[in-house]
C-alpha cells in the first residue's frame, strides 16, 4: 500500500467508522466516511477514492447493490467487503461484482489493508477437514436464496416455503459457525 491514499469507509455502524477512521488516519490515509449508500456515492463523485471498505448489510441497502454503483463512479477503486453476516453466496457475488476481497467482522485495520493489498489467491489456504454443520448449511442456503431474490424477504420466504416472520428471525441471528 502506498502512503496517503484516499480511503472511503462505508458502514452504518458509526462507532466502527470512527474507530477505523482513526486507525487508518494513523497509517497515513486520507479517510472519508459514509454511513449510507447515498452519502458514499456523493463522496465518491466529489473525490474518487483509491480504496474502500464496504459493509455488506447497510441499514436501508445492501453493499452488494452499492458495489457496482461505487465502481461506476470510481472504476479504479479497490474495494473490500466487510460483513458480520458472511456466507459463501455473498462472498462469491461480492467478488463477481468487483470487490478485491471479502472479510468477516471483526476485522482490524491491518487485516483490511492486507486484504486490499492481496493481488492473487492463496493456493495454500487450508481446506476444512469437517463438513459444515447442518445449521451452517441452512444459513448458507437461506443467504443464497435471499441473494437470488435481490434481498426480498417475502419472495425468499415463499421460495423457501416458510413464514416471512420465521425467516426474518433467522436473518436477525448471527451466522452459525462452521
C-alpha atoms as a PDB file:
ATOM      1  CA  UNK A   1       0.000   0.000   0.000  1.00  0.00           C
ATOM      2  CA  UNK A   2       1.235   3.469  -0.806  1.00  0.00           C
ATOM      3  CA  UNK A   3       1.012   6.148   1.847  1.00  0.00           C
ATOM      4  CA  UNK A   4      -1.595   8.934   1.670  1.00  0.00           C
ATOM      5  CA  UNK A   5      -4.133   7.083  -0.424  1.00  0.00           C
ATOM      6  CA  UNK A   6      -7.735   8.176  -0.282  1.00  0.00           C
ATOM      7  CA  UNK A   7      -9.915   5.651   1.594  1.00  0.00           C
ATOM      8  CA  UNK A   8     -13.704   5.536   1.741  1.00  0.00           C
ATOM      9  CA  UNK A   9     -15.278   3.676   4.661  1.00  0.00           C
ATOM     10  CA  UNK A  10     -18.945   2.777   4.132  1.00  0.00           C
ATOM     11  CA  UNK A  11     -20.650   1.316   7.188  1.00  0.00           C
ATOM     12  CA  UNK A  12     -23.830   2.156   9.082  1.00  0.00           C
ATOM     13  CA  UNK A  13     -22.128   1.387  12.415  1.00  0.00           C
ATOM     14  CA  UNK A  14     -20.880   4.846  13.373  1.00  0.00           C
ATOM     15  CA  UNK A  15     -18.653   3.526  16.166  1.00  0.00           C
ATOM     16  CA  UNK A  16     -16.922   1.134  13.769  1.00  0.00           C
ATOM     17  CA  UNK A  17     -16.456   4.013  11.303  1.00  0.00           C
ATOM     18  CA  UNK A  18     -14.931   6.232  13.989  1.00  0.00           C
ATOM     19  CA  UNK A  19     -12.503   3.550  15.185  1.00  0.00           C
ATOM     20  CA  UNK A  20     -11.492   2.533  11.659  1.00  0.00           C
ATOM     21  CA  UNK A  21     -11.130   6.157  10.540  1.00  0.00           C
ATOM     22  CA  UNK A  22      -8.705   6.885  13.368  1.00  0.00           C
ATOM     23  CA  UNK A  23      -6.737   3.682  12.736  1.00  0.00           C
ATOM     24  CA  UNK A  24      -6.396   4.388   9.013  1.00  0.00           C
ATOM     25  CA  UNK A  25      -5.508   8.045   9.521  1.00  0.00           C
ATOM     26  CA  UNK A  26      -2.687   6.922  11.835  1.00  0.00           C
ATOM     27  CA  UNK A  27      -1.457   4.799   8.915  1.00  0.00           C
ATOM     28  CA  UNK A  28      -1.295   7.843   6.637  1.00  0.00           C
ATOM     29  CA  UNK A  29      -4.593   7.554   4.760  1.00  0.00           C
ATOM     30  CA  UNK A  30      -6.914  10.381   3.845  1.00  0.00           C
ATOM     31  CA  UNK A  31     -10.222   8.957   5.109  1.00  0.00           C
ATOM     32  CA  UNK A  32     -13.794   9.717   4.083  1.00  0.00           C
ATOM     33  CA  UNK A  33     -16.697   8.109   5.960  1.00  0.00           C
ATOM     34  CA  UNK A  34     -20.223   7.383   4.749  1.00  0.00           C
ATOM     35  CA  UNK A  35     -22.990   5.750   6.775  1.00  0.00           C
ATOM     36  CA  UNK A  36     -25.303   5.016   3.835  1.00  0.00           C
ATOM     37  CA  UNK A  37     -25.235   4.369   0.086  1.00  0.00           C
ATOM     38  CA  UNK A  38     -26.293   7.866  -0.959  1.00  0.00           C
ATOM     39  CA  UNK A  39     -23.593   9.530   1.116  1.00  0.00           C
ATOM     40  CA  UNK A  40     -20.977   7.075  -0.188  1.00  0.00           C
ATOM     41  CA  UNK A  41     -21.820   7.835  -3.827  1.00  0.00           C
ATOM     42  CA  UNK A  42     -21.845  11.587  -3.173  1.00  0.00           C
ATOM     43  CA  UNK A  43     -18.381  11.431  -1.558  1.00  0.00           C
ATOM     44  CA  UNK A  44     -17.029   9.190  -4.326  1.00  0.00           C
ATOM     45  CA  UNK A  45     -18.283  11.589  -7.010  1.00  0.00           C
ATOM     46  CA  UNK A  46     -16.688  14.575  -5.266  1.00  0.00           C
ATOM     47  CA  UNK A  47     -13.368  12.882  -4.537  1.00  0.00           C
ATOM     48  CA  UNK A  48     -12.937   9.379  -6.022  1.00  0.00           C
ATOM     49  CA  UNK A  49     -11.347   7.003  -3.508  1.00  0.00           C
ATOM     50  CA  UNK A  50      -8.392   4.751  -4.346  1.00  0.00           C
ATOM     51  CA  UNK A  51      -9.600   2.113  -1.878  1.00  0.00           C
ATOM     52  CA  UNK A  52     -12.794   1.436   0.046  1.00  0.00           C
ATOM     53  CA  UNK A  53     -14.285  -0.767   2.717  1.00  0.00           C
ATOM     54  CA  UNK A  54     -17.941  -1.554   2.188  1.00  0.00           C
ATOM     55  CA  UNK A  55     -20.274  -3.098   4.752  1.00  0.00           C
ATOM     56  CA  UNK A  56     -22.429  -5.823   3.247  1.00  0.00           C
ATOM     57  CA  UNK A  57     -25.519  -5.056   5.321  1.00  0.00           C
ATOM     58  CA  UNK A  58     -26.324  -1.356   5.316  1.00  0.00           C
ATOM     59  CA  UNK A  59     -29.383  -0.028   7.137  1.00  0.00           C
ATOM     60  CA  UNK A  60     -31.541   0.667   4.071  1.00  0.00           C
ATOM     61  CA  UNK A  61     -29.478  -1.001   1.375  1.00  0.00           C
ATOM     62  CA  UNK A  62     -27.033  -3.743   0.569  1.00  0.00           C
ATOM     63  CA  UNK A  63     -23.331  -3.398  -0.010  1.00  0.00           C
ATOM     64  CA  UNK A  64     -23.822  -5.706  -2.999  1.00  0.00           C
ATOM     65  CA  UNK A  65     -26.199  -3.187  -4.572  1.00  0.00           C
ATOM     66  CA  UNK A  66     -23.852  -0.288  -3.820  1.00  0.00           C
ATOM     67  CA  UNK A  67     -20.688  -2.018  -5.061  1.00  0.00           C
ATOM     68  CA  UNK A  68     -21.305  -1.707  -8.840  1.00  0.00           C
ATOM     69  CA  UNK A  69     -22.557   1.868  -8.414  1.00  0.00           C
ATOM     70  CA  UNK A  70     -19.441   2.786  -6.456  1.00  0.00           C
ATOM     71  CA  UNK A  71     -17.182   1.177  -9.063  1.00  0.00           C
ATOM     72  CA  UNK A  72     -19.033   3.024 -11.843  1.00  0.00           C
ATOM     73  CA  UNK A  73     -18.170   6.315 -10.107  1.00  0.00           C
ATOM     74  CA  UNK A  74     -14.609   5.256  -9.141  1.00  0.00           C
ATOM     75  CA  UNK A  75     -13.589   2.439 -11.535  1.00  0.00           C
ATOM     76  CA  UNK A  76     -10.023   2.141 -10.213  1.00  0.00           C
ATOM     77  CA  UNK A  77     -11.135   1.818  -6.593  1.00  0.00           C
ATOM     78  CA  UNK A  78     -10.100  -1.396  -4.821  1.00  0.00           C
ATOM     79  CA  UNK A  79     -12.966  -2.494  -2.566  1.00  0.00           C
ATOM     80  CA  UNK A  80     -13.034  -4.976   0.281  1.00  0.00           C
ATOM     81  CA  UNK A  81     -16.467  -6.036   1.525  1.00  0.00           C
ATOM     82  CA  UNK A  82     -16.811  -6.433   5.299  1.00  0.00           C
ATOM     83  CA  UNK A  83     -19.620  -8.303   6.997  1.00  0.00           C
ATOM     84  CA  UNK A  84     -20.785  -9.827  10.233  1.00  0.00           C
ATOM     85  CA  UNK A  85     -23.175 -11.946   8.166  1.00  0.00           C
ATOM     86  CA  UNK A  86     -20.809 -13.897   5.958  1.00  0.00           C
ATOM     87  CA  UNK A  87     -21.953 -16.554   3.542  1.00  0.00           C
ATOM     88  CA  UNK A  88     -20.468 -18.253   0.531  1.00  0.00           C
ATOM     89  CA  UNK A  89     -23.190 -16.804  -1.717  1.00  0.00           C
ATOM     90  CA  UNK A  90     -22.487 -13.196  -0.734  1.00  0.00           C
ATOM     91  CA  UNK A  91     -18.713 -13.700  -0.907  1.00  0.00           C
ATOM     92  CA  UNK A  92     -18.976 -15.054  -4.452  1.00  0.00           C
ATOM     93  CA  UNK A  93     -21.316 -12.250  -5.515  1.00  0.00           C
ATOM     94  CA  UNK A  94     -19.087  -9.567  -3.994  1.00  0.00           C
ATOM     95  CA  UNK A  95     -16.099 -10.844  -5.963  1.00  0.00           C
ATOM     96  CA  UNK A  96     -18.149 -11.169  -9.162  1.00  0.00           C
ATOM     97  CA  UNK A  97     -19.351  -7.580  -8.702  1.00  0.00           C
ATOM     98  CA  UNK A  98     -15.793  -6.281  -8.446  1.00  0.00           C
ATOM     99  CA  UNK A  99     -14.637  -6.482  -4.827  1.00  0.00           C
ATOM    100  CA  UNK A 100     -10.989  -7.479  -4.445  1.00  0.00           C
ATOM    101  CA  UNK A 101     -11.664  -9.271  -1.179  1.00  0.00           C
ATOM    102  CA  UNK A 102     -14.307 -10.185   1.399  1.00  0.00           C
ATOM    103  CA  UNK A 103     -13.680 -10.223   5.152  1.00  0.00           C
ATOM    104  CA  UNK A 104     -15.732 -11.291   8.140  1.00  0.00           C
ATOM    105  CA  UNK A 105     -16.072  -8.836  11.004  1.00  0.00           C
ATOM    106  CA  UNK A 106     -14.491  -8.204  13.336  1.00  0.00           C
ATOM    107  CA  UNK A 107     -11.548  -7.192  11.156  1.00  0.00           C
ATOM    108  CA  UNK A 108      -8.876  -4.739  12.213  1.00  0.00           C
ATOM    109  CA  UNK A 109      -7.094  -2.125  10.110  1.00  0.00           C
ATOM    110  CA  UNK A 110      -4.107  -4.373   9.402  1.00  0.00           C
ATOM    111  CA  UNK A 111      -6.321  -7.230   8.191  1.00  0.00           C
ATOM    112  CA  UNK A 112      -8.243  -4.839   5.949  1.00  0.00           C
ATOM    113  CA  UNK A 113      -5.057  -3.379   4.463  1.00  0.00           C
ATOM    114  CA  UNK A 114      -3.669  -6.872   3.862  1.00  0.00           C
ATOM    115  CA  UNK A 115      -6.930  -7.839   2.118  1.00  0.00           C
ATOM    116  CA  UNK A 116      -6.813  -4.722  -0.058  1.00  0.00           C
ATOM    117  CA  UNK A 117      -3.174  -5.354  -0.930  1.00  0.00           C
ATOM    118  CA  UNK A 118      -3.556  -9.001  -1.967  1.00  0.00           C
ATOM    119  CA  UNK A 119      -3.272  -9.331  -5.717  1.00  0.00           C
ATOM    120  CA  UNK A 120      -3.881 -13.072  -6.089  1.00  0.00           C
ATOM    121  CA  UNK A 121      -5.480 -16.007  -4.332  1.00  0.00           C
ATOM    122  CA  UNK A 122      -3.567 -18.257  -1.935  1.00  0.00           C
ATOM    123  CA  UNK A 123      -3.388 -21.879  -3.114  1.00  0.00           C
ATOM    124  CA  UNK A 124      -2.058 -22.869   0.333  1.00  0.00           C
ATOM    125  CA  UNK A 125      -5.294 -21.888   2.091  1.00  0.00           C
ATOM    126  CA  UNK A 126      -6.337 -24.728   4.370  1.00  0.00           C
ATOM    127  CA  UNK A 127      -9.291 -26.850   3.349  1.00  0.00           C
ATOM    128  CA  UNK A 128     -11.537 -27.785   6.286  1.00  0.00           C
ATOM    129  CA  UNK A 129     -11.391 -31.425   7.416  1.00  0.00           C
ATOM    130  CA  UNK A 130     -15.001 -31.460   8.552  1.00  0.00           C
ATOM    131  CA  UNK A 131     -18.075 -30.574   6.530  1.00  0.00           C
ATOM    132  CA  UNK A 132     -20.089 -27.586   7.768  1.00  0.00           C
ATOM    133  CA  UNK A 133     -22.797 -28.180  10.347  1.00  0.00           C
ATOM    134  CA  UNK A 134     -26.403 -28.560   9.222  1.00  0.00           C
ATOM    135  CA  UNK A 135     -27.148 -25.167  10.792  1.00  0.00           C
ATOM    136  CA  UNK A 136     -24.355 -23.575   8.738  1.00  0.00           C
ATOM    137  CA  UNK A 137     -25.594 -25.256   5.545  1.00  0.00           C
ATOM    138  CA  UNK A 138     -29.097 -23.931   6.307  1.00  0.00           C
ATOM    139  CA  UNK A 139     -27.697 -20.404   6.830  1.00  0.00           C
ATOM    140  CA  UNK A 140     -25.765 -20.614   3.542  1.00  0.00           C
ATOM    141  CA  UNK A 141     -28.857 -21.832   1.662  1.00  0.00           C
ATOM    142  CA  UNK A 142     -31.017 -19.031   3.070  1.00  0.00           C
ATOM    143  CA  UNK A 143     -28.372 -16.477   2.038  1.00  0.00           C
ATOM    144  CA  UNK A 144     -28.187 -17.949  -1.478  1.00  0.00           C
ATOM    145  CA  UNK A 145     -31.977 -17.847  -1.943  1.00  0.00           C
ATOM    146  CA  UNK A 146     -32.125 -14.335  -0.450  1.00  0.00           C
ATOM    147  CA  UNK A 147     -29.472 -13.211  -2.957  1.00  0.00           C
ATOM    148  CA  UNK A 148     -31.427 -14.822  -5.827  1.00  0.00           C
ATOM    149  CA  UNK A 149     -34.449 -12.744  -4.787  1.00  0.00           C
ATOM    150  CA  UNK A 150     -32.492  -9.471  -4.537  1.00  0.00           C
ATOM    151  CA  UNK A 151     -32.888  -9.295  -0.763  1.00  0.00           C
ATOM    152  CA  UNK A 152     -36.691  -9.511  -0.891  1.00  0.00           C
ATOM    153  CA  UNK A 153     -37.676 -11.238   2.371  1.00  0.00           C
ATOM    154  CA  UNK A 154     -41.238 -12.104   1.301  1.00  0.00           C
ATOM    155  CA  UNK A 155     -40.153 -13.646  -2.011  1.00  0.00           C
ATOM    156  CA  UNK A 156     -37.358 -15.559  -0.268  1.00  0.00           C
ATOM    157  CA  UNK A 157     -39.757 -16.885   2.386  1.00  0.00           C
ATOM    158  CA  UNK A 158     -42.140 -18.076  -0.341  1.00  0.00           C
ATOM    159  CA  UNK A 159     -39.280 -19.770  -2.219  1.00  0.00           C
ATOM    160  CA  UNK A 160     -38.122 -21.497   0.975  1.00  0.00           C
ATOM    161  CA  UNK A 161     -41.666 -22.476   1.965  1.00  0.00           C
ATOM    162  CA  UNK A 162     -41.500 -20.728   5.334  1.00  0.00           C
ATOM    163  CA  UNK A 163     -43.352 -17.924   7.030  1.00  0.00           C
ATOM    164  CA  UNK A 164     -41.883 -14.459   6.436  1.00  0.00           C
ATOM    165  CA  UNK A 165     -41.545 -13.733  10.176  1.00  0.00           C
ATOM    166  CA  UNK A 166     -39.698 -17.017  10.719  1.00  0.00           C
ATOM    167  CA  UNK A 167     -37.239 -16.049   8.002  1.00  0.00           C
ATOM    168  CA  UNK A 168     -36.832 -12.572   9.494  1.00  0.00           C
ATOM    169  CA  UNK A 169     -35.999 -14.103  12.894  1.00  0.00           C
ATOM    170  CA  UNK A 170     -33.418 -16.399  11.296  1.00  0.00           C
ATOM    171  CA  UNK A 171     -31.832 -13.491   9.431  1.00  0.00           C
ATOM    172  CA  UNK A 172     -31.538 -11.368  12.583  1.00  0.00           C
ATOM    173  CA  UNK A 173     -29.343 -14.007  14.214  1.00  0.00           C
ATOM    174  CA  UNK A 174     -25.607 -14.084  13.718  1.00  0.00           C
ATOM    175  CA  UNK A 175     -24.381 -16.593  11.142  1.00  0.00           C
ATOM    176  CA  UNK A 176     -23.815 -20.060  12.501  1.00  0.00           C
ATOM    177  CA  UNK A 177     -20.173 -21.075  12.906  1.00  0.00           C
ATOM    178  CA  UNK A 178     -18.890 -23.852  10.754  1.00  0.00           C
END
